[in-house]
């Protein structure tokens, strides 16, 4: 297993630790430990892709697991934040629904031998979602307005990236005869 794939697996392994520190109060520093784990896990996402492309270490495993690891990390965080009353459930439903739709599209495309690359809208969406999660975990009253703005931008980018994805890849849904 190459380094980018190890980083991807590390991200997946970090998720349960992140969840425990976020949801199980043990010390007064739990949310800060959870935040640190989330930031480290998010950085592995940035690193694994850069290393894979720079050193030509792109693998089928990485193409499959990297986006899955991202979805698991962000969706786990968002669901935990519902439990903590930090984010409305409807926002999380929109975000998770988009991920299911895109995953379905990618599966259909894959069955037709088509690989669909991530778009810039999707990358912006992920960046804002991760930033929103960090700010929601930190829960700093002085920047509550900024947190809400970043959260709304993340939701808007989620919808925009979905629409962009569907429009650019509409031919994937056409039946082959």
N, C-alpha and C. Protein backbone atom coordinates (compact mmCIF):
# COMPACT_ATOMS: atom_id res chain seq x y z
N UNK A 1 0.86 -1.18 0.00
CA UNK A 1 0.00 0.00 0.00
C UNK A 1 0.91 1.24 0.00
N UNK A 2 0.65 2.15 -0.93
CA UNK A 2 1.50 3.34 -1.04
C UNK A 2 1.10 4.41 0.00
N UNK A 3 1.92 5.45 0.10
CA UNK A 3 1.71 6.49 1.12
C UNK A 3 0.37 7.20 1.00
N UNK A 4 -0.06 7.62 -0.19
CA UNK A 4 -1.38 8.28 -0.26
C UNK A 4 -2.51 7.38 0.24
N UNK A 5 -2.46 6.09 -0.10
CA UNK A 5 -3.50 5.17 0.37
C UNK A 5 -3.42 4.97 1.89
N UNK A 6 -2.22 4.97 2.43
CA UNK A 6 -2.07 4.87 3.89
C UNK A 6 -2.67 6.11 4.57
N UNK A 7 -2.46 7.27 3.98
CA UNK A 7 -3.04 8.50 4.53
C UNK A 7 -4.57 8.45 4.47
N UNK A 8 -5.10 7.92 3.38
CA UNK A 8 -6.55 7.77 3.26
C UNK A 8 -7.08 6.84 4.34
N UNK A 9 -6.41 5.72 4.55
CA UNK A 9 -6.85 4.77 5.58
C UNK A 9 -6.70 5.38 6.98
N UNK A 10 -5.66 6.16 7.18
CA UNK A 10 -5.49 6.85 8.46
C UNK A 10 -6.68 7.77 8.73
N UNK A 11 -7.15 8.45 7.69
CA UNK A 11 -8.31 9.32 7.84
C UNK A 11 -9.53 8.52 8.30
N UNK A 12 -9.74 7.36 7.71
CA UNK A 12 -10.86 6.51 8.10
C UNK A 12 -10.71 6.03 9.54
N UNK A 13 -9.50 5.65 9.91
CA UNK A 13 -9.24 5.17 11.27
C UNK A 13 -9.44 6.27 12.31
N UNK A 14 -9.19 7.51 11.93
CA UNK A 14 -9.33 8.64 12.86
C UNK A 14 -10.80 8.97 13.16
N UNK A 15 -11.71 8.58 12.30
CA UNK A 15 -13.12 8.96 12.46
C UNK A 15 -13.72 8.50 13.79
N UNK A 16 -13.58 7.23 14.19
CA UNK A 16 -14.17 6.84 15.48
C UNK A 16 -13.59 7.61 16.68
N UNK A 17 -12.30 7.90 16.63
CA UNK A 17 -11.68 8.68 17.71
C UNK A 17 -12.25 10.09 17.75
N UNK A 18 -12.41 10.67 16.57
CA UNK A 18 -13.03 11.99 16.47
C UNK A 18 -14.43 11.98 17.08
N UNK A 19 -15.23 10.99 16.72
CA UNK A 19 -16.61 10.89 17.21
C UNK A 19 -16.64 10.75 18.73
N UNK A 20 -15.80 9.90 19.27
CA UNK A 20 -15.78 9.69 20.73
C UNK A 20 -15.43 10.99 21.45
N UNK A 21 -14.39 11.67 21.00
CA UNK A 21 -14.00 12.91 21.67
C UNK A 21 -15.05 14.00 21.51
N UNK A 22 -15.78 13.98 20.40
CA UNK A 22 -16.81 14.99 20.18
C UNK A 22 -18.06 14.72 21.02
N UNK A 23 -18.43 13.46 21.15
CA UNK A 23 -19.72 13.13 21.78
C UNK A 23 -19.66 12.64 23.22
N UNK A 24 -18.51 12.13 23.65
CA UNK A 24 -18.42 11.56 25.00
C UNK A 24 -17.61 12.50 25.89
N UNK A 25 -18.29 13.21 26.79
CA UNK A 25 -17.56 14.15 27.64
C UNK A 25 -16.73 13.43 28.72
N UNK A 26 -15.42 13.58 28.60
CA UNK A 26 -14.52 12.97 29.57
C UNK A 26 -13.66 14.04 30.24
N UNK A 27 -13.15 14.95 29.43
CA UNK A 27 -12.30 16.03 29.96
C UNK A 27 -12.86 17.37 29.47
N UNK A 28 -12.41 18.46 30.06
CA UNK A 28 -12.87 19.76 29.57
C UNK A 28 -12.31 20.11 28.18
N UNK A 29 -11.40 19.30 27.69
CA UNK A 29 -10.72 19.59 26.42
C UNK A 29 -11.21 18.70 25.27
N UNK A 30 -12.26 17.93 25.51
CA UNK A 30 -12.72 16.97 24.50
C UNK A 30 -13.00 17.61 23.14
N UNK A 31 -13.71 18.74 23.14
CA UNK A 31 -14.05 19.35 21.84
C UNK A 31 -12.78 19.82 21.12
N UNK A 32 -11.78 20.25 21.87
CA UNK A 32 -10.54 20.71 21.24
C UNK A 32 -9.75 19.53 20.69
N UNK A 33 -9.79 18.40 21.40
CA UNK A 33 -9.14 17.19 20.89
C UNK A 33 -9.86 16.72 19.63
N UNK A 34 -11.21 16.72 19.67
CA UNK A 34 -12.00 16.35 18.49
C UNK A 34 -11.67 17.27 17.32
N UNK A 35 -11.58 18.56 17.60
CA UNK A 35 -11.26 19.52 16.54
C UNK A 35 -9.88 19.24 15.95
N UNK A 36 -8.90 18.97 16.81
CA UNK A 36 -7.55 18.66 16.33
C UNK A 36 -7.55 17.40 15.46
N UNK A 37 -8.29 16.39 15.89
CA UNK A 37 -8.37 15.15 15.09
C UNK A 37 -9.03 15.44 13.75
N UNK A 38 -10.11 16.23 13.76
CA UNK A 38 -10.79 16.55 12.51
C UNK A 38 -9.87 17.33 11.57
N UNK A 39 -9.14 18.29 12.10
CA UNK A 39 -8.20 19.07 11.26
C UNK A 39 -7.11 18.16 10.69
N UNK A 40 -6.54 17.30 11.53
CA UNK A 40 -5.51 16.37 11.04
C UNK A 40 -6.07 15.45 9.96
N UNK A 41 -7.27 14.92 10.19
CA UNK A 41 -7.90 14.05 9.20
C UNK A 41 -8.14 14.81 7.90
N UNK A 42 -8.59 16.05 8.01
CA UNK A 42 -8.83 16.87 6.82
C UNK A 42 -7.53 17.14 6.07
N UNK A 43 -6.45 17.34 6.81
CA UNK A 43 -5.16 17.59 6.16
C UNK A 43 -4.66 16.36 5.42
N UNK A 44 -5.00 15.15 5.91
CA UNK A 44 -4.59 13.95 5.18
C UNK A 44 -5.27 13.92 3.81
N UNK A 45 -6.47 14.48 3.73
CA UNK A 45 -7.17 14.56 2.44
C UNK A 45 -6.37 15.42 1.46
N UNK A 46 -5.90 16.55 1.95
CA UNK A 46 -5.11 17.44 1.11
C UNK A 46 -3.79 16.77 0.70
N UNK A 47 -3.14 16.13 1.67
CA UNK A 47 -1.84 15.53 1.41
C UNK A 47 -1.89 14.32 0.48
N UNK A 48 -2.85 13.42 0.71
CA UNK A 48 -2.84 12.19 -0.08
C UNK A 48 -3.00 12.47 -1.57
N UNK A 49 -3.86 13.42 -1.91
CA UNK A 49 -4.06 13.75 -3.32
C UNK A 49 -2.83 14.39 -3.94
N UNK A 50 -2.21 15.32 -3.20
CA UNK A 50 -1.02 15.99 -3.73
C UNK A 50 0.11 14.99 -3.95
N UNK A 51 0.32 14.12 -2.98
CA UNK A 51 1.40 13.13 -3.09
C UNK A 51 1.10 12.15 -4.23
N UNK A 52 -0.14 11.69 -4.32
CA UNK A 52 -0.50 10.73 -5.37
C UNK A 52 -0.26 11.31 -6.76
N UNK A 53 -0.66 12.57 -6.95
CA UNK A 53 -0.48 13.19 -8.28
C UNK A 53 0.99 13.51 -8.55
N UNK A 54 1.68 14.06 -7.56
CA UNK A 54 3.07 14.48 -7.76
C UNK A 54 3.99 13.30 -8.08
N UNK A 55 3.77 12.17 -7.39
CA UNK A 55 4.66 11.03 -7.56
C UNK A 55 4.02 9.89 -8.38
N UNK A 56 2.94 10.22 -9.09
CA UNK A 56 2.25 9.25 -9.93
C UNK A 56 1.91 7.97 -9.16
N UNK A 57 1.30 8.17 -8.00
CA UNK A 57 0.90 7.04 -7.15
C UNK A 57 -0.62 6.86 -7.11
N UNK A 58 -1.28 7.32 -8.16
CA UNK A 58 -2.74 7.20 -8.23
C UNK A 58 -3.09 5.73 -8.47
N UNK A 59 -3.99 5.21 -7.62
CA UNK A 59 -4.41 3.81 -7.74
C UNK A 59 -5.94 3.74 -7.79
N UNK A 60 -6.45 2.61 -8.24
CA UNK A 60 -7.90 2.41 -8.23
C UNK A 60 -8.43 2.42 -6.80
N UNK A 61 -7.67 1.83 -5.87
CA UNK A 61 -8.05 1.85 -4.47
C UNK A 61 -8.18 3.29 -3.98
N UNK A 62 -7.22 4.13 -4.31
CA UNK A 62 -7.25 5.53 -3.92
C UNK A 62 -8.40 6.30 -4.55
N UNK A 63 -8.66 6.02 -5.82
CA UNK A 63 -9.78 6.68 -6.50
C UNK A 63 -11.11 6.35 -5.83
N UNK A 64 -11.21 5.13 -5.30
CA UNK A 64 -12.44 4.71 -4.63
C UNK A 64 -12.47 5.18 -3.17
N UNK A 65 -11.38 4.93 -2.44
CA UNK A 65 -11.39 5.17 -0.99
C UNK A 65 -11.26 6.63 -0.60
N UNK A 66 -10.51 7.41 -1.37
CA UNK A 66 -10.31 8.82 -0.98
C UNK A 66 -11.62 9.59 -0.88
N UNK A 67 -12.47 9.56 -1.93
CA UNK A 67 -13.73 10.29 -1.78
C UNK A 67 -14.65 9.67 -0.72
N UNK A 68 -14.58 8.34 -0.57
CA UNK A 68 -15.39 7.68 0.46
C UNK A 68 -14.95 8.12 1.85
N UNK A 69 -13.64 8.18 2.06
CA UNK A 69 -13.11 8.62 3.36
C UNK A 69 -13.53 10.06 3.67
N UNK A 70 -13.51 10.92 2.64
CA UNK A 70 -13.96 12.31 2.82
C UNK A 70 -15.42 12.36 3.24
N UNK A 71 -16.24 11.60 2.54
CA UNK A 71 -17.68 11.57 2.85
C UNK A 71 -17.93 11.04 4.26
N UNK A 72 -17.21 9.97 4.63
CA UNK A 72 -17.37 9.41 5.97
C UNK A 72 -16.98 10.43 7.05
N UNK A 73 -15.88 11.13 6.83
CA UNK A 73 -15.42 12.11 7.81
C UNK A 73 -16.40 13.26 7.95
N UNK A 74 -16.76 13.88 6.84
CA UNK A 74 -17.64 15.05 6.90
C UNK A 74 -19.04 14.67 7.37
N UNK A 75 -19.59 13.59 6.82
CA UNK A 75 -20.95 13.20 7.21
C UNK A 75 -21.01 12.77 8.68
N UNK A 76 -20.00 12.07 9.15
CA UNK A 76 -19.94 11.71 10.58
C UNK A 76 -19.94 12.95 11.45
N UNK A 77 -19.12 13.91 11.07
CA UNK A 77 -19.04 15.16 11.84
C UNK A 77 -20.38 15.88 11.84
N UNK A 78 -21.00 15.99 10.67
CA UNK A 78 -22.27 16.71 10.57
C UNK A 78 -23.37 16.03 11.38
N UNK A 79 -23.43 14.71 11.34
CA UNK A 79 -24.43 13.98 12.12
C UNK A 79 -24.19 14.18 13.61
N UNK A 80 -22.95 14.15 14.04
CA UNK A 80 -22.63 14.42 15.45
C UNK A 80 -23.04 15.84 15.84
N UNK A 81 -22.86 16.78 14.92
CA UNK A 81 -23.21 18.17 15.22
C UNK A 81 -24.72 18.37 15.32
N UNK A 82 -25.50 17.52 14.65
CA UNK A 82 -26.96 17.54 14.87
C UNK A 82 -27.24 17.12 16.30
N UNK A 83 -26.61 16.03 16.72
CA UNK A 83 -26.78 15.52 18.09
C UNK A 83 -26.44 16.59 19.13
N UNK A 84 -25.46 17.41 18.82
CA UNK A 84 -25.03 18.47 19.75
C UNK A 84 -25.82 19.77 19.55
N UNK A 85 -26.84 19.74 18.71
CA UNK A 85 -27.67 20.93 18.43
C UNK A 85 -26.87 22.11 17.90
N UNK A 86 -25.90 21.81 17.04
CA UNK A 86 -25.06 22.87 16.46
C UNK A 86 -25.43 23.19 15.01
N UNK A 87 -26.21 22.28 14.39
CA UNK A 87 -26.57 22.46 12.99
C UNK A 87 -27.97 21.87 12.77
N UNK A 88 -28.78 22.54 11.96
CA UNK A 88 -30.11 21.99 11.69
C UNK A 88 -30.02 20.72 10.84
N UNK A 89 -30.88 19.77 11.15
CA UNK A 89 -30.88 18.49 10.43
C UNK A 89 -31.11 18.68 8.94
N UNK A 90 -31.96 19.66 8.54
CA UNK A 90 -32.26 19.84 7.12
C UNK A 90 -31.01 20.18 6.31
N UNK A 91 -30.07 20.92 6.92
CA UNK A 91 -28.83 21.24 6.21
C UNK A 91 -28.01 19.97 5.98
N UNK A 92 -27.95 19.15 6.99
CA UNK A 92 -27.18 17.91 6.89
C UNK A 92 -27.84 16.97 5.87
N UNK A 93 -29.15 16.94 5.85
CA UNK A 93 -29.87 16.10 4.87
C UNK A 93 -29.51 16.54 3.45
N UNK A 94 -29.48 17.84 3.19
CA UNK A 94 -29.11 18.35 1.86
C UNK A 94 -27.69 17.89 1.51
N UNK A 95 -26.78 18.04 2.45
CA UNK A 95 -25.38 17.69 2.19
C UNK A 95 -25.24 16.18 1.94
N UNK A 96 -25.86 15.37 2.77
CA UNK A 96 -25.74 13.91 2.61
C UNK A 96 -26.47 13.45 1.35
N UNK A 97 -27.62 14.03 1.06
CA UNK A 97 -28.36 13.66 -0.15
C UNK A 97 -27.50 13.92 -1.38
N UNK A 98 -26.82 15.05 -1.42
CA UNK A 98 -25.94 15.36 -2.54
C UNK A 98 -24.87 14.28 -2.70
N UNK A 99 -24.31 13.83 -1.58
CA UNK A 99 -23.27 12.80 -1.64
C UNK A 99 -23.81 11.48 -2.19
N UNK A 100 -25.03 11.11 -1.78
CA UNK A 100 -25.65 9.89 -2.31
C UNK A 100 -25.90 10.02 -3.81
N UNK A 101 -26.40 11.16 -4.24
CA UNK A 101 -26.70 11.37 -5.66
C UNK A 101 -25.42 11.29 -6.49
N UNK A 102 -24.37 11.97 -6.04
CA UNK A 102 -23.10 11.96 -6.77
C UNK A 102 -22.50 10.56 -6.78
N UNK A 103 -22.58 9.86 -5.66
CA UNK A 103 -22.05 8.48 -5.61
C UNK A 103 -22.80 7.59 -6.58
N UNK A 104 -24.11 7.75 -6.66
CA UNK A 104 -24.90 6.98 -7.61
C UNK A 104 -24.50 7.28 -9.04
N UNK A 105 -24.32 8.55 -9.31
CA UNK A 105 -23.89 8.96 -10.66
C UNK A 105 -22.54 8.34 -10.99
N UNK A 106 -21.62 8.39 -10.04
CA UNK A 106 -20.28 7.83 -10.28
C UNK A 106 -20.35 6.32 -10.52
N UNK A 107 -21.24 5.64 -9.82
CA UNK A 107 -21.40 4.20 -10.00
C UNK A 107 -21.91 3.89 -11.41
N UNK A 108 -22.91 4.64 -11.84
CA UNK A 108 -23.46 4.45 -13.19
C UNK A 108 -22.38 4.76 -14.23
N UNK A 109 -21.66 5.84 -14.03
CA UNK A 109 -20.59 6.22 -14.97
C UNK A 109 -19.53 5.12 -15.03
N UNK A 110 -19.16 4.61 -13.87
CA UNK A 110 -18.14 3.56 -13.79
C UNK A 110 -18.59 2.31 -14.55
N UNK A 111 -19.86 1.96 -14.42
CA UNK A 111 -20.41 0.81 -15.15
C UNK A 111 -20.32 1.02 -16.66
N UNK A 112 -20.33 2.29 -17.08
CA UNK A 112 -20.22 2.61 -18.51
C UNK A 112 -18.79 2.92 -18.92
N UNK A 113 -17.84 2.67 -18.02
CA UNK A 113 -16.43 2.89 -18.33
C UNK A 113 -16.01 4.34 -18.32
N UNK A 114 -16.80 5.19 -17.65
CA UNK A 114 -16.51 6.62 -17.60
C UNK A 114 -16.03 6.99 -16.19
N UNK A 115 -14.92 7.71 -16.12
CA UNK A 115 -14.44 8.22 -14.84
C UNK A 115 -14.77 9.70 -14.77
N UNK A 116 -15.45 10.09 -13.72
CA UNK A 116 -15.85 11.49 -13.56
C UNK A 116 -14.94 12.14 -12.52
N UNK A 117 -14.19 13.11 -12.96
CA UNK A 117 -13.26 13.80 -12.07
C UNK A 117 -14.01 14.80 -11.18
N UNK A 118 -13.43 15.08 -10.04
CA UNK A 118 -14.00 16.09 -9.15
C UNK A 118 -13.86 17.47 -9.80
N UNK A 119 -14.87 18.30 -9.59
CA UNK A 119 -14.83 19.65 -10.15
C UNK A 119 -14.34 20.64 -9.09
N UNK A 120 -14.05 21.84 -9.55
CA UNK A 120 -13.65 22.88 -8.60
C UNK A 120 -14.79 23.21 -7.64
N UNK A 121 -16.04 23.17 -8.15
CA UNK A 121 -17.18 23.43 -7.26
C UNK A 121 -17.19 22.42 -6.11
N UNK A 122 -16.93 21.16 -6.45
CA UNK A 122 -16.89 20.13 -5.42
C UNK A 122 -15.77 20.34 -4.42
N UNK A 123 -14.64 20.81 -4.92
CA UNK A 123 -13.51 21.07 -4.01
C UNK A 123 -13.80 22.27 -3.10
N UNK A 124 -14.41 23.31 -3.66
CA UNK A 124 -14.80 24.46 -2.84
C UNK A 124 -15.83 24.03 -1.78
N UNK A 125 -16.78 23.21 -2.23
CA UNK A 125 -17.81 22.70 -1.33
C UNK A 125 -17.18 21.97 -0.15
N UNK A 126 -16.25 21.08 -0.44
CA UNK A 126 -15.58 20.31 0.61
C UNK A 126 -14.81 21.23 1.55
N UNK A 127 -14.12 22.21 0.99
CA UNK A 127 -13.35 23.15 1.82
C UNK A 127 -14.26 23.91 2.77
N UNK A 128 -15.37 24.42 2.25
CA UNK A 128 -16.29 25.17 3.11
C UNK A 128 -17.00 24.26 4.12
N UNK A 129 -17.31 23.03 3.72
CA UNK A 129 -17.92 22.11 4.68
C UNK A 129 -16.96 21.82 5.83
N UNK A 130 -15.71 21.57 5.50
CA UNK A 130 -14.72 21.27 6.55
C UNK A 130 -14.48 22.49 7.43
N UNK A 131 -14.43 23.67 6.84
CA UNK A 131 -14.28 24.89 7.62
C UNK A 131 -15.47 25.09 8.54
N UNK A 132 -16.68 24.86 8.02
CA UNK A 132 -17.89 25.01 8.82
C UNK A 132 -17.87 24.03 10.00
N UNK A 133 -17.48 22.79 9.73
CA UNK A 133 -17.41 21.80 10.81
C UNK A 133 -16.44 22.26 11.88
N UNK A 134 -15.27 22.74 11.48
CA UNK A 134 -14.28 23.22 12.45
C UNK A 134 -14.84 24.35 13.30
N UNK A 135 -15.47 25.30 12.66
CA UNK A 135 -16.04 26.45 13.38
C UNK A 135 -17.18 26.02 14.30
N UNK A 136 -18.00 25.08 13.85
CA UNK A 136 -19.11 24.60 14.69
C UNK A 136 -18.60 23.83 15.90
N UNK A 137 -17.54 23.07 15.73
CA UNK A 137 -16.95 22.35 16.86
C UNK A 137 -16.35 23.34 17.85
N UNK A 138 -15.59 24.31 17.33
CA UNK A 138 -14.95 25.30 18.20
C UNK A 138 -15.98 26.09 19.00
N UNK A 139 -17.11 26.40 18.35
CA UNK A 139 -18.23 27.07 19.02
C UNK A 139 -17.78 28.30 19.80
N UNK A 140 -17.14 29.21 19.09
CA UNK A 140 -16.65 30.45 19.71
C UNK A 140 -17.69 31.54 19.48
N UNK A 141 -18.25 32.02 20.54
CA UNK A 141 -19.36 32.99 20.48
C UNK A 141 -19.00 34.23 19.67
N UNK A 142 -17.77 34.70 19.80
CA UNK A 142 -17.35 35.94 19.14
C UNK A 142 -17.38 35.83 17.61
N UNK A 143 -17.29 34.62 17.08
CA UNK A 143 -17.30 34.46 15.63
C UNK A 143 -18.53 33.66 15.17
N UNK A 144 -19.59 33.69 15.94
CA UNK A 144 -20.81 32.96 15.61
C UNK A 144 -21.38 33.39 14.26
N UNK A 145 -21.38 34.68 13.98
CA UNK A 145 -21.89 35.16 12.70
C UNK A 145 -21.05 34.61 11.54
N UNK A 146 -19.72 34.65 11.68
CA UNK A 146 -18.83 34.11 10.66
C UNK A 146 -19.11 32.61 10.47
N UNK A 147 -19.30 31.90 11.56
CA UNK A 147 -19.60 30.47 11.49
C UNK A 147 -20.87 30.23 10.68
N UNK A 148 -21.90 31.01 10.95
CA UNK A 148 -23.17 30.85 10.23
C UNK A 148 -23.02 31.19 8.74
N UNK A 149 -22.23 32.20 8.43
CA UNK A 149 -22.00 32.57 7.03
C UNK A 149 -21.27 31.44 6.30
N UNK A 150 -20.23 30.91 6.92
CA UNK A 150 -19.47 29.81 6.32
C UNK A 150 -20.37 28.59 6.13
N UNK A 151 -21.21 28.31 7.12
CA UNK A 151 -22.13 27.18 7.03
C UNK A 151 -23.10 27.36 5.85
N UNK A 152 -23.68 28.54 5.73
CA UNK A 152 -24.60 28.81 4.62
C UNK A 152 -23.89 28.72 3.27
N UNK A 153 -22.67 29.22 3.20
CA UNK A 153 -21.90 29.10 1.95
C UNK A 153 -21.67 27.62 1.62
N UNK A 154 -21.37 26.82 2.64
CA UNK A 154 -21.15 25.38 2.42
C UNK A 154 -22.41 24.72 1.86
N UNK A 155 -23.56 25.07 2.41
CA UNK A 155 -24.83 24.48 1.92
C UNK A 155 -25.11 24.95 0.49
N UNK A 156 -24.92 26.23 0.23
CA UNK A 156 -25.14 26.76 -1.12
C UNK A 156 -24.20 26.10 -2.12
N UNK A 157 -22.91 25.97 -1.75
CA UNK A 157 -21.95 25.31 -2.65
C UNK A 157 -22.29 23.83 -2.85
N UNK A 158 -22.88 23.21 -1.84
CA UNK A 158 -23.32 21.83 -1.97
C UNK A 158 -24.35 21.71 -3.08
N UNK A 159 -25.33 22.61 -3.09
CA UNK A 159 -26.38 22.60 -4.12
C UNK A 159 -25.80 22.99 -5.47
N UNK A 160 -24.98 24.04 -5.51
CA UNK A 160 -24.38 24.49 -6.78
C UNK A 160 -23.51 23.38 -7.38
N UNK A 161 -22.71 22.73 -6.55
CA UNK A 161 -21.84 21.68 -7.07
C UNK A 161 -22.65 20.49 -7.57
N UNK A 162 -23.77 20.20 -6.93
CA UNK A 162 -24.66 19.13 -7.40
C UNK A 162 -25.23 19.48 -8.78
N UNK A 163 -25.74 20.69 -8.91
CA UNK A 163 -26.32 21.12 -10.19
C UNK A 163 -25.25 21.09 -11.29
N UNK A 164 -24.07 21.62 -10.99
CA UNK A 164 -22.96 21.62 -11.94
C UNK A 164 -22.61 20.20 -12.36
N UNK A 165 -22.54 19.31 -11.41
CA UNK A 165 -22.21 17.91 -11.66
C UNK A 165 -23.25 17.25 -12.55
N UNK A 166 -24.52 17.47 -12.23
CA UNK A 166 -25.60 16.86 -13.01
C UNK A 166 -25.64 17.39 -14.44
N UNK A 167 -25.46 18.70 -14.59
CA UNK A 167 -25.48 19.30 -15.92
C UNK A 167 -24.31 18.79 -16.76
N UNK A 168 -23.11 18.78 -16.18
CA UNK A 168 -21.93 18.36 -16.93
C UNK A 168 -21.95 16.88 -17.28
N UNK A 169 -22.66 16.09 -16.49
CA UNK A 169 -22.63 14.64 -16.67
C UNK A 169 -23.99 14.04 -17.02
N UNK A 170 -24.86 14.86 -17.61
CA UNK A 170 -26.22 14.39 -17.92
C UNK A 170 -26.22 13.21 -18.87
N UNK A 171 -25.20 13.08 -19.72
CA UNK A 171 -25.15 11.98 -20.66
C UNK A 171 -24.95 10.63 -19.97
N UNK A 172 -24.46 10.64 -18.75
CA UNK A 172 -24.25 9.40 -18.00
C UNK A 172 -25.57 8.66 -17.79
N UNK A 173 -26.65 9.41 -17.66
CA UNK A 173 -27.95 8.81 -17.37
C UNK A 173 -28.66 8.29 -18.63
N UNK A 174 -28.15 8.63 -19.79
CA UNK A 174 -28.77 8.12 -21.02
C UNK A 174 -28.51 6.63 -21.16
N UNK A 175 -29.53 5.90 -21.52
CA UNK A 175 -29.37 4.46 -21.67
C UNK A 175 -28.61 4.12 -22.94
N UNK A 176 -27.73 3.15 -22.80
CA UNK A 176 -27.01 2.64 -23.98
C UNK A 176 -27.88 1.57 -24.62
N UNK A 177 -28.09 1.71 -25.91
CA UNK A 177 -28.93 0.72 -26.61
C UNK A 177 -28.13 -0.04 -27.62
